[in-house]
Every structure is written in C-alpha cells, then in structure tokens.
C-alpha cells in the first residue's frame, strides 16, 4: 500500500500556500476587477436608463471594495512577515516556507 507523506511541515505549508492560497487570492482579485469592469460597461452603455446606471454604479463600488480587500490581504501578509522578521523564512510569491525544527523539552526551559 502506497502512502503519501509530506516531507515536513514546511514543505506542506509551502505547497498549500503555493497551490491553494496564492491562486485563490489572484482569482478573487481577478473576479473583483471583472465585476468592476462589468459595472463600468453597464454604466456607460445605459445612459438613458437611470435604474441601470445605478446598478452599474453599485457593481463598480463592489468591485472596488473587492479589490481593496484583496490588496489588504497582501498588505497584512507583508506586515505580518516583516513584524515577526520572517522575510527570509517565508516567501509568499514562490510558496517557500522554512521553519525551525520542533524539539520540545519536558519540563519546559525558562
């Protein structure tokens, strides 16, 4: 029976970041941009209908909110990495994570 093991925790975290989190953030950002552009198209092509112009404005507003949230996620990730001085240990762009080995001792040392 073949069993697949993650080589280590840092490999697993790196793969999750590279294969799931980063593409998901990029997809959500792309959807927000598309929603904003759809609202612009709706706003500019329906100048006679005030109701459709209002709907287009709402789509643009929600698109901007979505883009702001995604940029905020990138900002928070970079803030956390710089606050805990993890710049060399975690690279979100490539999905690389380097963690120290976990060697617990009992009783804990102070």
PDB file of N, CA and C in Angstrom:
ATOM      1  N   UNK A   1       0.844  -1.169   0.000  1.00  0.00           N
ATOM      2  CA  UNK A   1       0.000   0.000   0.000  1.00  0.00           C
ATOM      3  C   UNK A   1       0.901   1.248   0.000  1.00  0.00           C
ATOM      4  N   UNK A   2       0.651   2.146  -0.940  1.00  0.00           N
ATOM      5  CA  UNK A   2       1.439   3.375  -1.036  1.00  0.00           C
ATOM      6  C   UNK A   2       0.778   4.478  -0.228  1.00  0.00           C
ATOM      7  N   UNK A   3       1.565   5.110   0.622  1.00  0.00           N
ATOM      8  CA  UNK A   3       1.072   6.208   1.442  1.00  0.00           C
ATOM      9  C   UNK A   3       1.927   7.422   1.139  1.00  0.00           C
ATOM     10  N   UNK A   4       1.263   8.546   0.837  1.00  0.00           N
ATOM     11  CA  UNK A   4       1.996   9.775   0.548  1.00  0.00           C
ATOM     12  C   UNK A   4       2.121  10.600   1.820  1.00  0.00           C
ATOM     13  N   UNK A   5       3.342  10.949   2.169  1.00  0.00           N
ATOM     14  CA  UNK A   5       3.604  11.773   3.338  1.00  0.00           C
ATOM     15  C   UNK A   5       4.192  13.095   2.884  1.00  0.00           C
ATOM     16  N   UNK A   6       3.822  14.139   3.562  1.00  0.00           N
ATOM     17  CA  UNK A   6       4.506  15.412   3.328  1.00  0.00           C
ATOM     18  C   UNK A   6       5.888  15.274   3.942  1.00  0.00           C
ATOM     19  N   UNK A   7       6.903  15.701   3.202  1.00  0.00           N
ATOM     20  CA  UNK A   7       8.263  15.565   3.683  1.00  0.00           C
ATOM     21  C   UNK A   7       8.449  16.205   5.043  1.00  0.00           C
ATOM     22  N   UNK A   8       7.863  17.327   5.245  1.00  0.00           N
ATOM     23  CA  UNK A   8       7.934  18.015   6.524  1.00  0.00           C
ATOM     24  C   UNK A   8       6.844  19.075   6.556  1.00  0.00           C
ATOM     25  N   UNK A   9       6.695  19.687   7.702  1.00  0.00           N
ATOM     26  CA  UNK A   9       5.647  20.696   7.863  1.00  0.00           C
ATOM     27  C   UNK A   9       5.885  21.890   6.958  1.00  0.00           C
ATOM     28  N   UNK A  10       7.134  22.326   6.824  1.00  0.00           N
ATOM     29  CA  UNK A  10       7.396  23.490   5.981  1.00  0.00           C
ATOM     30  C   UNK A  10       7.115  23.188   4.513  1.00  0.00           C
ATOM     31  N   UNK A  11       7.350  21.965   4.059  1.00  0.00           N
ATOM     32  CA  UNK A  11       7.016  21.591   2.688  1.00  0.00           C
ATOM     33  C   UNK A  11       5.508  21.619   2.493  1.00  0.00           C
ATOM     34  N   UNK A  12       4.779  21.095   3.474  1.00  0.00           N
ATOM     35  CA  UNK A  12       3.320  21.085   3.390  1.00  0.00           C
ATOM     36  C   UNK A  12       2.763  22.496   3.346  1.00  0.00           C
ATOM     37  N   UNK A  13       3.232  23.367   4.256  1.00  0.00           N
ATOM     38  CA  UNK A  13       2.742  24.744   4.298  1.00  0.00           C
ATOM     39  C   UNK A  13       3.100  25.474   3.002  1.00  0.00           C
ATOM     40  N   UNK A  14       4.281  25.252   2.510  1.00  0.00           N
ATOM     41  CA  UNK A  14       4.692  25.870   1.256  1.00  0.00           C
ATOM     42  C   UNK A  14       3.816  25.441   0.094  1.00  0.00           C
ATOM     43  N   UNK A  15       3.478  24.161   0.048  1.00  0.00           N
ATOM     44  CA  UNK A  15       2.615  23.661  -1.023  1.00  0.00           C
ATOM     45  C   UNK A  15       1.204  24.214  -0.915  1.00  0.00           C
ATOM     46  N   UNK A  16       0.672  24.273   0.293  1.00  0.00           N
ATOM     47  CA  UNK A  16      -0.671  24.844   0.482  1.00  0.00           C
ATOM     48  C   UNK A  16      -0.678  26.304   0.047  1.00  0.00           C
ATOM     49  N   UNK A  17       0.340  27.044   0.435  1.00  0.00           N
ATOM     50  CA  UNK A  17       0.431  28.452   0.073  1.00  0.00           C
ATOM     51  C   UNK A  17       0.557  28.618  -1.438  1.00  0.00           C
ATOM     52  N   UNK A  18       1.443  27.841  -2.050  1.00  0.00           N
ATOM     53  CA  UNK A  18       1.720  27.980  -3.478  1.00  0.00           C
ATOM     54  C   UNK A  18       0.581  27.451  -4.340  1.00  0.00           C
ATOM     55  N   UNK A  19      -0.048  26.356  -3.941  1.00  0.00           N
ATOM     56  CA  UNK A  19      -1.049  25.707  -4.783  1.00  0.00           C
ATOM     57  C   UNK A  19      -2.483  26.112  -4.485  1.00  0.00           C
ATOM     58  N   UNK A  20      -2.756  26.629  -3.289  1.00  0.00           N
ATOM     59  CA  UNK A  20      -4.142  26.947  -2.934  1.00  0.00           C
ATOM     60  C   UNK A  20      -4.323  28.430  -2.625  1.00  0.00           C
ATOM     61  N   UNK A  21      -3.589  28.955  -1.662  1.00  0.00           N
ATOM     62  CA  UNK A  21      -3.846  30.314  -1.182  1.00  0.00           C
ATOM     63  C   UNK A  21      -3.524  31.370  -2.237  1.00  0.00           C
ATOM     64  N   UNK A  22      -2.315  31.348  -2.800  1.00  0.00           N
ATOM     65  CA  UNK A  22      -1.950  32.364  -3.788  1.00  0.00           C
ATOM     66  C   UNK A  22      -2.862  32.355  -5.013  1.00  0.00           C
ATOM     67  N   UNK A  23      -3.154  31.184  -5.627  1.00  0.00           N
ATOM     68  CA  UNK A  23      -4.083  31.200  -6.764  1.00  0.00           C
ATOM     69  C   UNK A  23      -5.483  31.667  -6.388  1.00  0.00           C
ATOM     70  N   UNK A  24      -5.925  31.347  -5.158  1.00  0.00           N
ATOM     71  CA  UNK A  24      -7.248  31.775  -4.719  1.00  0.00           C
ATOM     72  C   UNK A  24      -7.310  33.296  -4.584  1.00  0.00           C
ATOM     73  N   UNK A  25      -6.271  33.896  -4.015  1.00  0.00           N
ATOM     74  CA  UNK A  25      -6.229  35.351  -3.883  1.00  0.00           C
ATOM     75  C   UNK A  25      -6.219  36.008  -5.262  1.00  0.00           C
ATOM     76  N   UNK A  26      -5.418  35.474  -6.176  1.00  0.00           N
ATOM     77  CA  UNK A  26      -5.371  36.032  -7.530  1.00  0.00           C
ATOM     78  C   UNK A  26      -6.704  35.875  -8.255  1.00  0.00           C
ATOM     79  N   UNK A  27      -7.370  34.736  -8.071  1.00  0.00           N
ATOM     80  CA  UNK A  27      -8.677  34.529  -8.692  1.00  0.00           C
ATOM     81  C   UNK A  27      -9.697  35.531  -8.160  1.00  0.00           C
ATOM     82  N   UNK A  28      -9.732  35.720  -6.844  1.00  0.00           N
ATOM     83  CA  UNK A  28     -10.680  36.669  -6.258  1.00  0.00           C
ATOM     84  C   UNK A  28     -10.395  38.094  -6.705  1.00  0.00           C
ATOM     85  N   UNK A  29      -9.111  38.453  -6.830  1.00  0.00           N
ATOM     86  CA  UNK A  29      -8.767  39.782  -7.311  1.00  0.00           C
ATOM     87  C   UNK A  29      -9.218  39.951  -8.770  1.00  0.00           C
ATOM     88  N   UNK A  30      -9.004  38.928  -9.590  1.00  0.00           N
ATOM     89  CA  UNK A  30      -9.432  38.982 -10.991  1.00  0.00           C
ATOM     90  C   UNK A  30     -10.952  39.096 -11.098  1.00  0.00           C
ATOM     91  N   UNK A  31     -11.680  38.378 -10.250  1.00  0.00           N
ATOM     92  CA  UNK A  31     -13.143  38.473 -10.249  1.00  0.00           C
ATOM     93  C   UNK A  31     -13.602  39.876  -9.851  1.00  0.00           C
ATOM     94  N   UNK A  32     -12.919  40.490  -8.886  1.00  0.00           N
ATOM     95  CA  UNK A  32     -13.281  41.843  -8.471  1.00  0.00           C
ATOM     96  C   UNK A  32     -13.035  42.836  -9.605  1.00  0.00           C
ATOM     97  N   UNK A  33     -11.933  42.680 -10.331  1.00  0.00           N
ATOM     98  CA  UNK A  33     -11.651  43.555 -11.471  1.00  0.00           C
ATOM     99  C   UNK A  33     -12.703  43.351 -12.562  1.00  0.00           C
ATOM    100  N   UNK A  34     -13.044  42.095 -12.841  1.00  0.00           N
ATOM    101  CA  UNK A  34     -14.060  41.810 -13.859  1.00  0.00           C
ATOM    102  C   UNK A  34     -15.408  42.394 -13.458  1.00  0.00           C
ATOM    103  N   UNK A  35     -15.763  42.307 -12.187  1.00  0.00           N
ATOM    104  CA  UNK A  35     -17.026  42.849 -11.705  1.00  0.00           C
ATOM    105  C   UNK A  35     -17.047  44.379 -11.844  1.00  0.00           C
ATOM    106  N   UNK A  36     -15.910  45.006 -11.541  1.00  0.00           N
ATOM    107  CA  UNK A  36     -15.785  46.454 -11.701  1.00  0.00           C
ATOM    108  C   UNK A  36     -15.938  46.840 -13.171  1.00  0.00           C
ATOM    109  N   UNK A  37     -15.261  46.124 -14.061  1.00  0.00           N
ATOM    110  CA  UNK A  37     -15.347  46.431 -15.491  1.00  0.00           C
ATOM    111  C   UNK A  37     -16.758  46.192 -16.028  1.00  0.00           C
ATOM    112  N   UNK A  38     -17.435  45.150 -15.531  1.00  0.00           N
ATOM    113  CA  UNK A  38     -18.827  44.910 -15.921  1.00  0.00           C
ATOM    114  C   UNK A  38     -19.712  46.080 -15.495  1.00  0.00           C
ATOM    115  N   UNK A  39     -19.483  46.593 -14.304  1.00  0.00           N
ATOM    116  CA  UNK A  39     -20.252  47.754 -13.838  1.00  0.00           C
ATOM    117  C   UNK A  39     -19.990  48.979 -14.686  1.00  0.00           C
ATOM    118  N   UNK A  40     -18.728  49.186 -15.088  1.00  0.00           N
ATOM    119  CA  UNK A  40     -18.408  50.316 -15.972  1.00  0.00           C
ATOM    120  C   UNK A  40     -19.118  50.172 -17.303  1.00  0.00           C
ATOM    121  N   UNK A  41     -19.087  48.968 -17.875  1.00  0.00           N
ATOM    122  CA  UNK A  41     -19.761  48.716 -19.144  1.00  0.00           C
ATOM    123  C   UNK A  41     -21.260  48.974 -19.008  1.00  0.00           C
ATOM    124  N   UNK A  42     -21.847  48.489 -17.942  1.00  0.00           N
ATOM    125  CA  UNK A  42     -23.272  48.675 -17.702  1.00  0.00           C
ATOM    126  C   UNK A  42     -23.599  50.160 -17.516  1.00  0.00           C
ATOM    127  N   UNK A  43     -22.743  50.889 -16.827  1.00  0.00           N
ATOM    128  CA  UNK A  43     -22.974  52.314 -16.579  1.00  0.00           C
ATOM    129  C   UNK A  43     -22.892  53.121 -17.874  1.00  0.00           C
ATOM    130  N   UNK A  44     -21.868  52.855 -18.688  1.00  0.00           N
ATOM    131  CA  UNK A  44     -21.669  53.666 -19.888  1.00  0.00           C
ATOM    132  C   UNK A  44     -22.576  53.293 -21.049  1.00  0.00           C
ATOM    133  N   UNK A  45     -23.041  52.062 -21.106  1.00  0.00           N
ATOM    134  CA  UNK A  45     -23.905  51.667 -22.228  1.00  0.00           C
ATOM    135  C   UNK A  45     -25.384  51.947 -21.973  1.00  0.00           C
ATOM    136  N   UNK A  46     -25.768  52.285 -20.765  1.00  0.00           N
ATOM    137  CA  UNK A  46     -27.176  52.527 -20.435  1.00  0.00           C
ATOM    138  C   UNK A  46     -27.365  53.940 -19.898  1.00  0.00           C
ATOM    139  N   UNK A  47     -26.959  54.922 -20.661  1.00  0.00           N
ATOM    140  CA  UNK A  47     -27.071  56.307 -20.209  1.00  0.00           C
ATOM    141  C   UNK A  47     -28.518  56.800 -20.137  1.00  0.00           C
ATOM    142  N   UNK A  48     -29.435  56.179 -20.869  1.00  0.00           N
ATOM    143  CA  UNK A  48     -30.827  56.622 -20.828  1.00  0.00           C
ATOM    144  C   UNK A  48     -31.590  56.053 -19.634  1.00  0.00           C
ATOM    145  N   UNK A  49     -31.197  54.919 -19.137  1.00  0.00           N
ATOM    146  CA  UNK A  49     -31.906  54.274 -18.034  1.00  0.00           C
ATOM    147  C   UNK A  49     -31.199  54.561 -16.704  1.00  0.00           C
ATOM    148  N   UNK A  50     -31.870  55.357 -15.873  1.00  0.00           N
ATOM    149  CA  UNK A  50     -31.288  55.697 -14.573  1.00  0.00           C
ATOM    150  C   UNK A  50     -31.155  54.471 -13.673  1.00  0.00           C
ATOM    151  N   UNK A  51     -32.074  53.525 -13.796  1.00  0.00           N
ATOM    152  CA  UNK A  51     -32.041  52.307 -12.980  1.00  0.00           C
ATOM    153  C   UNK A  51     -30.815  51.457 -13.317  1.00  0.00           C
ATOM    154  N   UNK A  52     -30.505  51.308 -14.595  1.00  0.00           N
ATOM    155  CA  UNK A  52     -29.346  50.510 -14.996  1.00  0.00           C
ATOM    156  C   UNK A  52     -28.043  51.243 -14.695  1.00  0.00           C
ATOM    157  N   UNK A  53     -28.051  52.573 -14.762  1.00  0.00           N
ATOM    158  CA  UNK A  53     -26.865  53.332 -14.378  1.00  0.00           C
ATOM    159  C   UNK A  53     -26.572  53.144 -12.891  1.00  0.00           C
ATOM    160  N   UNK A  54     -27.618  53.150 -12.077  1.00  0.00           N
ATOM    161  CA  UNK A  54     -27.448  52.937 -10.636  1.00  0.00           C
ATOM    162  C   UNK A  54     -26.915  51.537 -10.358  1.00  0.00           C
ATOM    163  N   UNK A  55     -27.428  50.548 -11.082  1.00  0.00           N
ATOM    164  CA  UNK A  55     -26.928  49.180 -10.918  1.00  0.00           C
ATOM    165  C   UNK A  55     -25.457  49.105 -11.328  1.00  0.00           C
ATOM    166  N   UNK A  56     -25.082  49.782 -12.391  1.00  0.00           N
ATOM    167  CA  UNK A  56     -23.681  49.812 -12.818  1.00  0.00           C
ATOM    168  C   UNK A  56     -22.791  50.459 -11.772  1.00  0.00           C
ATOM    169  N   UNK A  57     -23.275  51.543 -11.152  1.00  0.00           N
ATOM    170  CA  UNK A  57     -22.507  52.188 -10.079  1.00  0.00           C
ATOM    171  C   UNK A  57     -22.296  51.230  -8.911  1.00  0.00           C
ATOM    172  N   UNK A  58     -23.329  50.489  -8.546  1.00  0.00           N
ATOM    173  CA  UNK A  58     -23.217  49.531  -7.445  1.00  0.00           C
ATOM    174  C   UNK A  58     -22.193  48.438  -7.766  1.00  0.00           C
ATOM    175  N   UNK A  59     -22.195  47.971  -9.016  1.00  0.00           N
ATOM    176  CA  UNK A  59     -21.224  46.947  -9.415  1.00  0.00           C
ATOM    177  C   UNK A  59     -19.804  47.500  -9.328  1.00  0.00           C
ATOM    178  N   UNK A  60     -19.619  48.747  -9.743  1.00  0.00           N
ATOM    179  CA  UNK A  60     -18.292  49.357  -9.668  1.00  0.00           C
ATOM    180  C   UNK A  60     -17.851  49.506  -8.211  1.00  0.00           C
ATOM    181  N   UNK A  61     -18.758  49.931  -7.359  1.00  0.00           N
ATOM    182  CA  UNK A  61     -18.428  50.103  -5.937  1.00  0.00           C
ATOM    183  C   UNK A  61     -18.022  48.768  -5.322  1.00  0.00           C
ATOM    184  N   UNK A  62     -18.797  47.713  -5.586  1.00  0.00           N
ATOM    185  CA  UNK A  62     -18.471  46.406  -5.019  1.00  0.00           C
ATOM    186  C   UNK A  62     -17.181  45.848  -5.617  1.00  0.00           C
ATOM    187  N   UNK A  63     -16.910  46.148  -6.875  1.00  0.00           N
ATOM    188  CA  UNK A  63     -15.645  45.736  -7.477  1.00  0.00           C
ATOM    189  C   UNK A  63     -14.469  46.414  -6.794  1.00  0.00           C
ATOM    190  N   UNK A  64     -14.592  47.706  -6.517  1.00  0.00           N
ATOM    191  CA  UNK A  64     -13.531  48.438  -5.818  1.00  0.00           C
ATOM    192  C   UNK A  64     -13.356  47.896  -4.401  1.00  0.00           C
ATOM    193  N   UNK A  65     -14.452  47.591  -3.726  1.00  0.00           N
ATOM    194  CA  UNK A  65     -14.370  47.021  -2.376  1.00  0.00           C
ATOM    195  C   UNK A  65     -13.646  45.678  -2.414  1.00  0.00           C
ATOM    196  N   UNK A  66     -13.968  44.841  -3.395  1.00  0.00           N
ATOM    197  CA  UNK A  66     -13.300  43.542  -3.530  1.00  0.00           C
ATOM    198  C   UNK A  66     -11.810  43.693  -3.791  1.00  0.00           C
ATOM    199  N   UNK A  67     -11.438  44.617  -4.669  1.00  0.00           N
ATOM    200  CA  UNK A  67     -10.018  44.838  -4.949  1.00  0.00           C
ATOM    201  C   UNK A  67      -9.302  45.370  -3.710  1.00  0.00           C
ATOM    202  N   UNK A  68      -9.973  46.242  -2.959  1.00  0.00           N
ATOM    203  CA  UNK A  68      -9.382  46.789  -1.734  1.00  0.00           C
ATOM    204  C   UNK A  68      -9.139  45.689  -0.708  1.00  0.00           C
ATOM    205  N   UNK A  69     -10.088  44.782  -0.577  1.00  0.00           N
ATOM    206  CA  UNK A  69      -9.930  43.668   0.361  1.00  0.00           C
ATOM    207  C   UNK A  69      -8.746  42.795  -0.041  1.00  0.00           C
ATOM    208  N   UNK A  70      -8.610  42.481  -1.318  1.00  0.00           N
ATOM    209  CA  UNK A  70      -7.509  41.633  -1.769  1.00  0.00           C
ATOM    210  C   UNK A  70      -6.162  42.332  -1.585  1.00  0.00           C
ATOM    211  N   UNK A  71      -6.107  43.638  -1.838  1.00  0.00           N
ATOM    212  CA  UNK A  71      -4.862  44.374  -1.597  1.00  0.00           C
ATOM    213  C   UNK A  71      -4.568  44.419  -0.104  1.00  0.00           C
ATOM    214  N   UNK A  72      -5.614  44.503   0.715  1.00  0.00           N
ATOM    215  CA  UNK A  72      -5.438  44.474   2.159  1.00  0.00           C
ATOM    216  C   UNK A  72      -4.873  43.142   2.636  1.00  0.00           C
ATOM    217  N   UNK A  73      -5.290  42.051   2.003  1.00  0.00           N
ATOM    218  CA  UNK A  73      -4.757  40.732   2.354  1.00  0.00           C
ATOM    219  C   UNK A  73      -3.261  40.695   2.072  1.00  0.00           C
ATOM    220  N   UNK A  74      -2.846  41.182   0.896  1.00  0.00           N
ATOM    221  CA  UNK A  74      -1.419  41.220   0.576  1.00  0.00           C
ATOM    222  C   UNK A  74      -0.672  42.125   1.557  1.00  0.00           C
ATOM    223  N   UNK A  75      -1.267  43.267   1.904  1.00  0.00           N
ATOM    224  CA  UNK A  75      -0.637  44.181   2.860  1.00  0.00           C
ATOM    225  C   UNK A  75      -0.460  43.510   4.218  1.00  0.00           C
ATOM    226  N   UNK A  76      -1.510  42.837   4.699  1.00  0.00           N
ATOM    227  CA  UNK A  76      -1.428  42.174   6.003  1.00  0.00           C
ATOM    228  C   UNK A  76      -0.405  41.040   6.003  1.00  0.00           C
ATOM    229  N   UNK A  77      -0.337  40.290   4.908  1.00  0.00           N
ATOM    230  CA  UNK A  77       0.660  39.220   4.830  1.00  0.00           C
ATOM    231  C   UNK A  77       2.066  39.795   4.938  1.00  0.00           C
ATOM    232  N   UNK A  78       2.321  40.882   4.205  1.00  0.00           N
ATOM    233  CA  UNK A  78       3.648  41.501   4.256  1.00  0.00           C
ATOM    234  C   UNK A  78       3.916  42.133   5.612  1.00  0.00           C
ATOM    235  N   UNK A  79       2.898  42.711   6.239  1.00  0.00           N
ATOM    236  CA  UNK A  79       3.063  43.310   7.560  1.00  0.00           C
ATOM    237  C   UNK A  79       3.415  42.237   8.596  1.00  0.00           C
ATOM    238  N   UNK A  80       2.717  41.121   8.556  1.00  0.00           N
ATOM    239  CA  UNK A  80       2.996  40.020   9.489  1.00  0.00           C
ATOM    240  C   UNK A  80       4.398  39.475   9.264  1.00  0.00           C
ATOM    241  N   UNK A  81       4.774  39.287   8.009  1.00  0.00           N
ATOM    242  CA  UNK A  81       6.108  38.765   7.716  1.00  0.00           C
ATOM    243  C   UNK A  81       7.199  39.701   8.201  1.00  0.00           C
ATOM    244  N   UNK A  82       6.997  41.015   8.031  1.00  0.00           N
ATOM    245  CA  UNK A  82       8.029  41.955   8.465  1.00  0.00           C
ATOM    246  C   UNK A  82       8.005  42.155   9.985  1.00  0.00           C
ATOM    247  N   UNK A  83       6.838  42.082  10.613  1.00  0.00           N
ATOM    248  CA  UNK A  83       6.740  42.255  12.057  1.00  0.00           C
ATOM    249  C   UNK A  83       7.458  41.136  12.799  1.00  0.00           C
ATOM    250  N   UNK A  84       7.270  39.919  12.359  1.00  0.00           N
ATOM    251  CA  UNK A  84       7.897  38.780  13.022  1.00  0.00           C
ATOM    252  C   UNK A  84       9.247  38.433  12.414  1.00  0.00           C
ATOM    253  N   UNK A  85       9.761  39.305  11.561  1.00  0.00           N
ATOM    254  CA  UNK A  85      11.069  39.148  10.941  1.00  0.00           C
ATOM    255  C   UNK A  85      11.205  37.792  10.252  1.00  0.00           C
ATOM    256  N   UNK A  86      10.207  37.483   9.421  1.00  0.00           N
ATOM    257  CA  UNK A  86      10.186  36.217   8.700  1.00  0.00           C
ATOM    258  C   UNK A  86      10.488  36.407   7.217  1.00  0.00           C
ATOM    259  N   UNK A  87      11.088  37.524   6.856  1.00  0.00           N
ATOM    260  CA  UNK A  87      11.303  37.833   5.444  1.00  0.00           C
ATOM    261  C   UNK A  87      12.089  36.753   4.720  1.00  0.00           C
ATOM    262  N   UNK A  88      13.114  36.206   5.346  1.00  0.00           N
ATOM    263  CA  UNK A  88      13.904  35.178   4.689  1.00  0.00           C
ATOM    264  C   UNK A  88      13.301  33.796   4.818  1.00  0.00           C
ATOM    265  N   UNK A  89      12.398  33.606   5.792  1.00  0.00           N
ATOM    266  CA  UNK A  89      11.863  32.282   6.069  1.00  0.00           C
ATOM    267  C   UNK A  89      10.627  31.940   5.238  1.00  0.00           C
ATOM    268  N   UNK A  90       9.805  32.936   4.928  1.00  0.00           N
ATOM    269  CA  UNK A  90       8.569  32.687   4.192  1.00  0.00           C
ATOM    270  C   UNK A  90       8.544  33.579   2.964  1.00  0.00           C
ATOM    271  N   UNK A  91       8.352  32.977   1.810  1.00  0.00           N
ATOM    272  CA  UNK A  91       8.278  33.719   0.553  1.00  0.00           C
ATOM    273  C   UNK A  91       6.934  33.425  -0.100  1.00  0.00           C
ATOM    274  N   UNK A  92       5.922  34.301   0.093  1.00  0.00           N
ATOM    275  CA  UNK A  92       4.585  34.027  -0.448  1.00  0.00           C
ATOM    276  C   UNK A  92       4.567  33.916  -1.970  1.00  0.00           C
ATOM    277  N   UNK A  93       5.483  34.612  -2.638  1.00  0.00           N
ATOM    278  CA  UNK A  93       5.478  34.602  -4.102  1.00  0.00           C
ATOM    279  C   UNK A  93       5.773  33.211  -4.654  1.00  0.00           C
ATOM    280  N   UNK A  94       6.682  32.494  -4.012  1.00  0.00           N
ATOM    281  CA  UNK A  94       7.088  31.176  -4.508  1.00  0.00           C
ATOM    282  C   UNK A  94       6.509  30.032  -3.689  1.00  0.00           C
ATOM    283  N   UNK A  95       5.950  30.340  -2.534  1.00  0.00           N
ATOM    284  CA  UNK A  95       5.382  29.302  -1.680  1.00  0.00           C
ATOM    285  C   UNK A  95       6.412  28.595  -0.825  1.00  0.00           C
ATOM    286  N   UNK A  96       7.602  29.177  -0.681  1.00  0.00           N
ATOM    287  CA  UNK A  96       8.646  28.557   0.134  1.00  0.00           C
ATOM    288  C   UNK A  96       8.477  28.955   1.598  1.00  0.00           C
ATOM    289  N   UNK A  97       8.580  27.966   2.480  1.00  0.00           N
ATOM    290  CA  UNK A  97       8.499  28.194   3.920  1.00  0.00           C
ATOM    291  C   UNK A  97       9.613  27.403   4.583  1.00  0.00           C
ATOM    292  N   UNK A  98      10.392  28.071   5.432  1.00  0.00           N
ATOM    293  CA  UNK A  98      11.445  27.387   6.180  1.00  0.00           C
ATOM    294  C   UNK A  98      11.169  27.588   7.662  1.00  0.00           C
ATOM    295  N   UNK A  99      10.845  26.505   8.341  1.00  0.00           N
ATOM    296  CA  UNK A  99      10.554  26.559   9.767  1.00  0.00           C
ATOM    297  C   UNK A  99      11.665  25.872  10.540  1.00  0.00           C
ATOM    298  N   UNK A 100      11.905  26.330  11.765  1.00  0.00           N
ATOM    299  CA  UNK A 100      12.868  25.676  12.628  1.00  0.00           C
ATOM    300  C   UNK A 100      12.329  24.324  13.038  1.00  0.00           C
ATOM    301  N   UNK A 101      13.230  23.384  13.325  1.00  0.00           N
ATOM    302  CA  UNK A 101      12.809  22.078  13.801  1.00  0.00           C
ATOM    303  C   UNK A 101      12.130  22.228  15.155  1.00  0.00           C
ATOM    304  N   UNK A 102      11.110  21.432  15.380  1.00  0.00           N
ATOM    305  CA  UNK A 102      10.364  21.473  16.632  1.00  0.00           C
ATOM    306  C   UNK A 102      10.914  20.381  17.541  1.00  0.00           C
ATOM    307  N   UNK A 103      11.590  20.794  18.585  1.00  0.00           N
ATOM    308  CA  UNK A 103      12.167  19.863  19.547  1.00  0.00           C
ATOM    309  C   UNK A 103      11.706  20.240  20.946  1.00  0.00           C
ATOM    310  N   UNK A 104      10.546  19.758  21.359  1.00  0.00           N
ATOM    311  CA  UNK A 104      10.063  20.124  22.692  1.00  0.00           C
ATOM    312  C   UNK A 104      10.866  19.429  23.785  1.00  0.00           C
ATOM    313  N   UNK A 105      10.975  20.101  24.886  1.00  0.00           N
ATOM    314  CA  UNK A 105      11.635  19.513  26.052  1.00  0.00           C
ATOM    315  C   UNK A 105      10.653  19.518  27.210  1.00  0.00           C
ATOM    316  N   UNK A 106      10.797  18.534  28.075  1.00  0.00           N
ATOM    317  CA  UNK A 106       9.944  18.472  29.248  1.00  0.00           C
ATOM    318  C   UNK A 106      10.816  18.291  30.466  1.00  0.00           C
ATOM    319  N   UNK A 107      10.710  19.027  31.468  1.00  0.00           N
ATOM    320  CA  UNK A 107       9.867  20.234  31.618  1.00  0.00           C
ATOM    321  C   UNK A 107      10.424  21.381  30.776  1.00  0.00           C
ATOM    322  N   UNK A 108       9.533  22.298  30.407  1.00  0.00           N
ATOM    323  CA  UNK A 108       9.965  23.429  29.571  1.00  0.00           C
ATOM    324  C   UNK A 108      11.063  24.247  30.243  1.00  0.00           C
ATOM    325  N   UNK A 109      12.010  24.676  29.439  1.00  0.00           N
ATOM    326  CA  UNK A 109      13.072  25.537  29.944  1.00  0.00           C
ATOM    327  C   UNK A 109      12.603  26.978  29.951  1.00  0.00           C
ATOM    328  N   UNK A 110      13.036  27.731  30.956  1.00  0.00           N
ATOM    329  CA  UNK A 110      12.655  29.144  31.022  1.00  0.00           C
ATOM    330  C   UNK A 110      13.797  30.017  30.593  1.00  0.00           C
TER     331      UNK A 110
END
